Amino acid sequence: MNIEAHRKSIIHRILDIQNENILNKIDSLLNEEGYLYSISGDLLSEEGYKNEIATILLASEDSEGYTSEDIKKKLFKK
């Protein structure tokens, strides 16, 4: 079975689970693996996430930041 089929099989099995204890165990297992999502939706390892945060912090130290008005202009392209 390829990884995509395996993933879908697991997803379908999880969707059928009614026991909250089993869901908590699955959640704990996934949390132990250390995978998180970036703000862009990419799956990152814990180390990748820490690197992304460090990069953001360095970038914020090098600039004066954005005002609310700057962000509105970027979002609405005014």
PDB file of N, CA and C in Angstrom:
ATOM      1  N   MET A   1       0.847  -1.166   0.000  1.00  0.00           N
ATOM      2  CA  MET A   1       0.000   0.000   0.000  1.00  0.00           C
ATOM      3  C   MET A   1       0.901   1.240   0.000  1.00  0.00           C
ATOM      4  N   ASN A   2       0.615   2.172  -0.913  1.00  0.00           N
ATOM      5  CA  ASN A   2       1.425   3.387  -0.941  1.00  0.00           C
ATOM      6  C   ASN A   2       1.015   4.316   0.203  1.00  0.00           C
ATOM      7  N   ILE A   3       1.810   5.319   0.433  1.00  0.00           N
ATOM      8  CA  ILE A   3       1.596   6.183   1.600  1.00  0.00           C
ATOM      9  C   ILE A   3       0.272   6.937   1.526  1.00  0.00           C
ATOM     10  N   GLU A   4      -0.126   7.363   0.331  1.00  0.00           N
ATOM     11  CA  GLU A   4      -1.388   8.106   0.203  1.00  0.00           C
ATOM     12  C   GLU A   4      -2.578   7.207   0.541  1.00  0.00           C
ATOM     13  N   ALA A   5      -2.580   5.993   0.056  1.00  0.00           N
ATOM     14  CA  ALA A   5      -3.664   5.053   0.356  1.00  0.00           C
ATOM     15  C   ALA A   5      -3.662   4.704   1.849  1.00  0.00           C
ATOM     16  N   HIS A   6      -2.473   4.540   2.411  1.00  0.00           N
ATOM     17  CA  HIS A   6      -2.359   4.230   3.838  1.00  0.00           C
ATOM     18  C   HIS A   6      -2.911   5.374   4.676  1.00  0.00           C
ATOM     19  N   ARG A   7      -2.556   6.593   4.308  1.00  0.00           N
ATOM     20  CA  ARG A   7      -3.029   7.781   5.025  1.00  0.00           C
ATOM     21  C   ARG A   7      -4.558   7.855   4.977  1.00  0.00           C
ATOM     22  N   LYS A   8      -5.130   7.641   3.792  1.00  0.00           N
ATOM     23  CA  LYS A   8      -6.591   7.698   3.650  1.00  0.00           C
ATOM     24  C   LYS A   8      -7.271   6.606   4.461  1.00  0.00           C
ATOM     25  N   SER A   9      -6.668   5.434   4.502  1.00  0.00           N
ATOM     26  CA  SER A   9      -7.220   4.334   5.281  1.00  0.00           C
ATOM     27  C   SER A   9      -7.262   4.693   6.765  1.00  0.00           C
ATOM     28  N   ILE A  10      -6.182   5.276   7.250  1.00  0.00           N
ATOM     29  CA  ILE A  10      -6.123   5.687   8.657  1.00  0.00           C
ATOM     30  C   ILE A  10      -7.146   6.780   8.938  1.00  0.00           C
ATOM     31  N   ILE A  11      -7.264   7.734   8.046  1.00  0.00           N
ATOM     32  CA  ILE A  11      -8.227   8.833   8.225  1.00  0.00           C
ATOM     33  C   ILE A  11      -9.637   8.291   8.346  1.00  0.00           C
ATOM     34  N   HIS A  12      -9.997   7.366   7.465  1.00  0.00           N
ATOM     35  CA  HIS A  12     -11.346   6.795   7.518  1.00  0.00           C
ATOM     36  C   HIS A  12     -11.586   6.046   8.821  1.00  0.00           C
ATOM     37  N   ARG A  13     -10.583   5.339   9.291  1.00  0.00           N
ATOM     38  CA  ARG A  13     -10.713   4.621  10.559  1.00  0.00           C
ATOM     39  C   ARG A  13     -10.867   5.603  11.720  1.00  0.00           C
ATOM     40  N   ILE A  14     -10.104   6.694  11.693  1.00  0.00           N
ATOM     41  CA  ILE A  14     -10.191   7.696  12.761  1.00  0.00           C
ATOM     42  C   ILE A  14     -11.570   8.353  12.772  1.00  0.00           C
ATOM     43  N   LEU A  15     -12.113   8.623  11.592  1.00  0.00           N
ATOM     44  CA  LEU A  15     -13.427   9.259  11.527  1.00  0.00           C
ATOM     45  C   LEU A  15     -14.527   8.401  12.139  1.00  0.00           C
ATOM     46  N   ASP A  16     -14.327   7.097  12.177  1.00  0.00           N
ATOM     47  CA  ASP A  16     -15.320   6.184  12.749  1.00  0.00           C
ATOM     48  C   ASP A  16     -15.177   5.980  14.255  1.00  0.00           C
ATOM     49  N   ILE A  17     -14.102   6.479  14.850  1.00  0.00           N
ATOM     50  CA  ILE A  17     -13.861   6.273  16.283  1.00  0.00           C
ATOM     51  C   ILE A  17     -14.843   7.106  17.106  1.00  0.00           C
ATOM     52  N   GLN A  18     -15.482   6.442  18.069  1.00  0.00           N
ATOM     53  CA  GLN A  18     -16.423   7.115  18.961  1.00  0.00           C
ATOM     54  C   GLN A  18     -15.868   7.230  20.383  1.00  0.00           C
ATOM     55  N   ASN A  19     -14.774   6.563  20.651  1.00  0.00           N
ATOM     56  CA  ASN A  19     -14.188   6.520  21.992  1.00  0.00           C
ATOM     57  C   ASN A  19     -13.195   7.674  22.154  1.00  0.00           C
ATOM     58  N   GLU A  20     -13.515   8.590  23.052  1.00  0.00           N
ATOM     59  CA  GLU A  20     -12.662   9.770  23.234  1.00  0.00           C
ATOM     60  C   GLU A  20     -11.282   9.411  23.769  1.00  0.00           C
ATOM     61  N   ASN A  21     -11.174   8.341  24.552  1.00  0.00           N
ATOM     62  CA  ASN A  21      -9.868   7.921  25.068  1.00  0.00           C
ATOM     63  C   ASN A  21      -8.937   7.529  23.924  1.00  0.00           C
ATOM     64  N   ILE A  22      -9.469   6.853  22.935  1.00  0.00           N
ATOM     65  CA  ILE A  22      -8.649   6.463  21.781  1.00  0.00           C
ATOM     66  C   ILE A  22      -8.230   7.710  21.005  1.00  0.00           C
ATOM     67  N   LEU A  23      -9.148   8.650  20.842  1.00  0.00           N
ATOM     68  CA  LEU A  23      -8.805   9.899  20.139  1.00  0.00           C
ATOM     69  C   LEU A  23      -7.733  10.671  20.904  1.00  0.00           C
ATOM     70  N   ASN A  24      -7.817  10.661  22.232  1.00  0.00           N
ATOM     71  CA  ASN A  24      -6.789  11.333  23.041  1.00  0.00           C
ATOM     72  C   ASN A  24      -5.431  10.661  22.858  1.00  0.00           C
ATOM     73  N   LYS A  25      -5.423   9.334  22.762  1.00  0.00           N
ATOM     74  CA  LYS A  25      -4.170   8.614  22.542  1.00  0.00           C
ATOM     75  C   LYS A  25      -3.576   8.974  21.175  1.00  0.00           C
ATOM     76  N   ILE A  26      -4.425   9.053  20.162  1.00  0.00           N
ATOM     77  CA  ILE A  26      -3.962   9.431  18.814  1.00  0.00           C
ATOM     78  C   ILE A  26      -3.400  10.847  18.851  1.00  0.00           C
ATOM     79  N   ASP A  27      -4.105  11.743  19.513  1.00  0.00           N
ATOM     80  CA  ASP A  27      -3.662  13.133  19.633  1.00  0.00           C
ATOM     81  C   ASP A  27      -2.308  13.209  20.337  1.00  0.00           C
ATOM     82  N   SER A  28      -2.158  12.458  21.419  1.00  0.00           N
ATOM     83  CA  SER A  28      -0.887  12.441  22.151  1.00  0.00           C
ATOM     84  C   SER A  28       0.242  11.911  21.280  1.00  0.00           C
ATOM     85  N   LEU A  29      -0.037  10.856  20.559  1.00  0.00           N
ATOM     86  CA  LEU A  29       0.974  10.281  19.671  1.00  0.00           C
ATOM     87  C   LEU A  29       1.415  11.296  18.623  1.00  0.00           C
ATOM     88  N   LEU A  30       0.462  11.975  18.023  1.00  0.00           N
ATOM     89  CA  LEU A  30       0.811  12.981  17.015  1.00  0.00           C
ATOM     90  C   LEU A  30       1.585  14.137  17.636  1.00  0.00           C
ATOM     91  N   ASN A  31       1.204  14.532  18.840  1.00  0.00           N
ATOM     92  CA  ASN A  31       1.926  15.616  19.525  1.00  0.00           C
ATOM     93  C   ASN A  31       3.349  15.205  19.874  1.00  0.00           C
ATOM     94  N   GLU A  32       3.542  13.950  20.255  1.00  0.00           N
ATOM     95  CA  GLU A  32       4.883  13.453  20.581  1.00  0.00           C
ATOM     96  C   GLU A  32       5.799  13.477  19.366  1.00  0.00           C
ATOM     97  N   GLU A  33       5.216  13.316  18.193  1.00  0.00           N
ATOM     98  CA  GLU A  33       6.015  13.332  16.965  1.00  0.00           C
ATOM     99  C   GLU A  33       6.564  14.725  16.689  1.00  0.00           C
ATOM    100  N   GLY A  34       5.960  15.738  17.300  1.00  0.00           N
ATOM    101  CA  GLY A  34       6.498  17.090  17.197  1.00  0.00           C
ATOM    102  C   GLY A  34       6.185  17.797  15.895  1.00  0.00           C
ATOM    103  N   TYR A  35       5.121  17.421  15.233  1.00  0.00           N
ATOM    104  CA  TYR A  35       4.779  18.105  13.992  1.00  0.00           C
ATOM    105  C   TYR A  35       3.775  19.206  14.250  1.00  0.00           C
ATOM    106  N   LEU A  36       4.027  20.351  13.654  1.00  0.00           N
ATOM    107  CA  LEU A  36       3.189  21.523  13.805  1.00  0.00           C
ATOM    108  C   LEU A  36       2.954  22.126  12.425  1.00  0.00           C
ATOM    109  N   TYR A  37       1.997  23.011  12.324  1.00  0.00           N
ATOM    110  CA  TYR A  37       1.725  23.684  11.064  1.00  0.00           C
ATOM    111  C   TYR A  37       2.205  25.117  11.121  1.00  0.00           C
ATOM    112  N   SER A  38       2.827  25.556  10.029  1.00  0.00           N
ATOM    113  CA  SER A  38       3.242  26.947   9.937  1.00  0.00           C
ATOM    114  C   SER A  38       2.017  27.794   9.629  1.00  0.00           C
ATOM    115  N   ILE A  39       2.159  29.103   9.667  1.00  0.00           N
ATOM    116  CA  ILE A  39       1.024  29.972   9.376  1.00  0.00           C
ATOM    117  C   ILE A  39       0.581  29.846   7.926  1.00  0.00           C
ATOM    118  N   SER A  40       1.459  29.351   7.057  1.00  0.00           N
ATOM    119  CA  SER A  40       1.075  29.148   5.660  1.00  0.00           C
ATOM    120  C   SER A  40       0.455  27.770   5.436  1.00  0.00           C
ATOM    121  N   GLY A  41       0.357  26.974   6.517  1.00  0.00           N
ATOM    122  CA  GLY A  41      -0.281  25.671   6.404  1.00  0.00           C
ATOM    123  C   GLY A  41       0.658  24.520   6.113  1.00  0.00           C
ATOM    124  N   ASP A  42       1.957  24.784   6.052  1.00  0.00           N
ATOM    125  CA  ASP A  42       2.934  23.730   5.794  1.00  0.00           C
ATOM    126  C   ASP A  42       3.194  22.934   7.061  1.00  0.00           C
ATOM    127  N   LEU A  43       3.334  21.626   6.912  1.00  0.00           N
ATOM    128  CA  LEU A  43       3.639  20.764   8.041  1.00  0.00           C
ATOM    129  C   LEU A  43       5.126  20.853   8.350  1.00  0.00           C
ATOM    130  N   LEU A  44       5.445  21.160   9.602  1.00  0.00           N
ATOM    131  CA  LEU A  44       6.836  21.329  10.004  1.00  0.00           C
ATOM    132  C   LEU A  44       7.151  20.409  11.168  1.00  0.00           C
ATOM    133  N   SER A  45       8.394  19.983  11.213  1.00  0.00           N
ATOM    134  CA  SER A  45       8.857  19.280  12.408  1.00  0.00           C
ATOM    135  C   SER A  45       9.010  20.327  13.508  1.00  0.00           C
ATOM    136  N   GLU A  46       9.180  19.875  14.717  1.00  0.00           N
ATOM    137  CA  GLU A  46       9.373  20.815  15.816  1.00  0.00           C
ATOM    138  C   GLU A  46      10.595  21.690  15.555  1.00  0.00           C
ATOM    139  N   GLU A  47      11.663  21.084  15.045  1.00  0.00           N
ATOM    140  CA  GLU A  47      12.884  21.841  14.741  1.00  0.00           C
ATOM    141  C   GLU A  47      12.633  22.859  13.625  1.00  0.00           C
ATOM    142  N   GLY A  48      11.883  22.448  12.601  1.00  0.00           N
ATOM    143  CA  GLY A  48      11.546  23.366  11.515  1.00  0.00           C
ATOM    144  C   GLY A  48      10.716  24.540  12.008  1.00  0.00           C
ATOM    145  N   TYR A  49       9.803  24.251  12.925  1.00  0.00           N
ATOM    146  CA  TYR A  49       8.968  25.298  13.502  1.00  0.00           C
ATOM    147  C   TYR A  49       9.820  26.290  14.294  1.00  0.00           C
ATOM    148  N   LYS A  50      10.734  25.760  15.103  1.00  0.00           N
ATOM    149  CA  LYS A  50      11.623  26.630  15.874  1.00  0.00           C
ATOM    150  C   LYS A  50      12.474  27.491  14.948  1.00  0.00           C
ATOM    151  N   ASN A  51      12.938  26.907  13.849  1.00  0.00           N
ATOM    152  CA  ASN A  51      13.726  27.674  12.880  1.00  0.00           C
ATOM    153  C   ASN A  51      12.894  28.779  12.243  1.00  0.00           C
ATOM    154  N   GLU A  52      11.642  28.467  11.927  1.00  0.00           N
ATOM    155  CA  GLU A  52      10.769  29.477  11.325  1.00  0.00           C
ATOM    156  C   GLU A  52      10.531  30.628  12.297  1.00  0.00           C
ATOM    157  N   ILE A  53      10.297  30.305  13.559  1.00  0.00           N
ATOM    158  CA  ILE A  53      10.090  31.350  14.577  1.00  0.00           C
ATOM    159  C   ILE A  53      11.359  32.193  14.730  1.00  0.00           C
ATOM    160  N   ALA A  54      12.519  31.549  14.754  1.00  0.00           N
ATOM    161  CA  ALA A  54      13.782  32.282  14.885  1.00  0.00           C
ATOM    162  C   ALA A  54      13.978  33.226  13.699  1.00  0.00           C
ATOM    163  N   THR A  55      13.638  32.765  12.505  1.00  0.00           N
ATOM    164  CA  THR A  55      13.757  33.598  11.301  1.00  0.00           C
ATOM    165  C   THR A  55      12.831  34.803  11.397  1.00  0.00           C
ATOM    166  N   ILE A  56      11.613  34.578  11.862  1.00  0.00           N
ATOM    167  CA  ILE A  56      10.648  35.674  12.006  1.00  0.00           C
ATOM    168  C   ILE A  56      11.141  36.680  13.042  1.00  0.00           C
ATOM    169  N   LEU A  57      11.664  36.179  14.150  1.00  0.00           N
ATOM    170  CA  LEU A  57      12.164  37.082  15.191  1.00  0.00           C
ATOM    171  C   LEU A  57      13.347  37.905  14.706  1.00  0.00           C
ATOM    172  N   LEU A  58      14.251  37.273  13.949  1.00  0.00           N
ATOM    173  CA  LEU A  58      15.385  38.017  13.399  1.00  0.00           C
ATOM    174  C   LEU A  58      14.908  39.090  12.433  1.00  0.00           C
ATOM    175  N   ALA A  59      13.957  38.757  11.592  1.00  0.00           N
ATOM    176  CA  ALA A  59      13.428  39.729  10.634  1.00  0.00           C
ATOM    177  C   ALA A  59      12.755  40.885  11.365  1.00  0.00           C
ATOM    178  N   SER A  60      12.054  40.583  12.461  1.00  0.00           N
ATOM    179  CA  SER A  60      11.370  41.653  13.187  1.00  0.00           C
ATOM    180  C   SER A  60      12.367  42.566  13.898  1.00  0.00           C
ATOM    181  N   GLU A  61      13.518  42.041  14.283  1.00  0.00           N
ATOM    182  CA  GLU A  61      14.536  42.867  14.933  1.00  0.00           C
ATOM    183  C   GLU A  61      15.205  43.809  13.935  1.00  0.00           C
ATOM    184  N   ASP A  62      15.233  43.389  12.655  1.00  0.00           N
ATOM    185  CA  ASP A  62      15.899  44.185  11.631  1.00  0.00           C
ATOM    186  C   ASP A  62      15.012  45.272  11.044  1.00  0.00           C
ATOM    187  N   SER A  63      13.736  45.262  11.369  1.00  0.00           N
ATOM    188  CA  SER A  63      12.841  46.267  10.793  1.00  0.00           C
ATOM    189  C   SER A  63      12.093  46.986  11.909  1.00  0.00           C
ATOM    190  N   GLU A  64      11.447  48.047  11.503  1.00  0.00           N
ATOM    191  CA  GLU A  64      10.680  48.821  12.476  1.00  0.00           C
ATOM    192  C   GLU A  64       9.287  48.247  12.656  1.00  0.00           C
ATOM    193  N   GLY A  65       8.920  47.272  11.854  1.00  0.00           N
ATOM    194  CA  GLY A  65       7.597  46.665  11.969  1.00  0.00           C
ATOM    195  C   GLY A  65       6.597  47.341  11.052  1.00  0.00           C
ATOM    196  N   TYR A  66       5.358  46.937  11.212  1.00  0.00           N
ATOM    197  CA  TYR A  66       4.273  47.464  10.396  1.00  0.00           C
ATOM    198  C   TYR A  66       3.229  48.107  11.291  1.00  0.00           C
ATOM    199  N   THR A  67       2.656  49.172  10.791  1.00  0.00           N
ATOM    200  CA  THR A  67       1.522  49.775  11.487  1.00  0.00           C
ATOM    201  C   THR A  67       0.255  49.081  11.000  1.00  0.00           C
ATOM    202  N   SER A  68      -0.829  49.309  11.690  1.00  0.00           N
ATOM    203  CA  SER A  68      -2.121  48.755  11.255  1.00  0.00           C
ATOM    204  C   SER A  68      -2.460  49.255   9.862  1.00  0.00           C
ATOM    205  N   GLU A  69      -2.122  50.499   9.607  1.00  0.00           N
ATOM    206  CA  GLU A  69      -2.412  51.083   8.287  1.00  0.00           C
ATOM    207  C   GLU A  69      -1.598  50.402   7.185  1.00  0.00           C
ATOM    208  N   ASP A  70      -0.328  50.099   7.466  1.00  0.00           N
ATOM    209  CA  ASP A  70       0.511  49.378   6.504  1.00  0.00           C
ATOM    210  C   ASP A  70      -0.102  48.024   6.156  1.00  0.00           C
ATOM    211  N   ILE A  71      -0.567  47.327   7.183  1.00  0.00           N
ATOM    212  CA  ILE A  71      -1.152  46.003   6.965  1.00  0.00           C
ATOM    213  C   ILE A  71      -2.433  46.115   6.158  1.00  0.00           C
ATOM    214  N   LYS A  72      -3.268  47.091   6.481  1.00  0.00           N
ATOM    215  CA  LYS A  72      -4.507  47.291   5.711  1.00  0.00           C
ATOM    216  C   LYS A  72      -4.184  47.555   4.243  1.00  0.00           C
ATOM    217  N   LYS A  73      -3.162  48.367   3.997  1.00  0.00           N
ATOM    218  CA  LYS A  73      -2.780  48.672   2.614  1.00  0.00           C
ATOM    219  C   LYS A  73      -2.310  47.419   1.880  1.00  0.00           C
ATOM    220  N   LYS A  74      -1.547  46.568   2.578  1.00  0.00           N
ATOM    221  CA  LYS A  74      -1.081  45.337   1.965  1.00  0.00           C
ATOM    222  C   LYS A  74      -2.234  44.384   1.686  1.00  0.00           C
ATOM    223  N   LEU A  75      -3.147  44.285   2.635  1.00  0.00           N
ATOM    224  CA  LEU A  75      -4.273  43.362   2.476  1.00  0.00           C
ATOM    225  C   LEU A  75      -5.234  43.827   1.390  1.00  0.00           C
ATOM    226  N   PHE A  76      -5.521  45.107   1.381  1.00  0.00           N
ATOM    227  CA  PHE A  76      -6.523  45.622   0.447  1.00  0.00           C
ATOM    228  C   PHE A  76      -5.901  46.303  -0.761  1.00  0.00           C
ATOM    229  N   LYS A  77      -4.572  46.304  -0.819  1.00  0.00           N
ATOM    230  CA  LYS A  77      -3.792  46.845  -1.947  1.00  0.00           C
ATOM    231  C   LYS A  77      -4.273  48.228  -2.351  1.00  0.00           C
ATOM    232  N   LYS A  78      -4.375  49.093  -1.340  1.00  0.00           N
ATOM    233  CA  LYS A  78      -4.780  50.489  -1.593  1.00  0.00           C
ATOM    234  C   LYS A  78      -3.569  51.336  -1.865  1.00  0.00           C
TER     235      LYS A  78
END
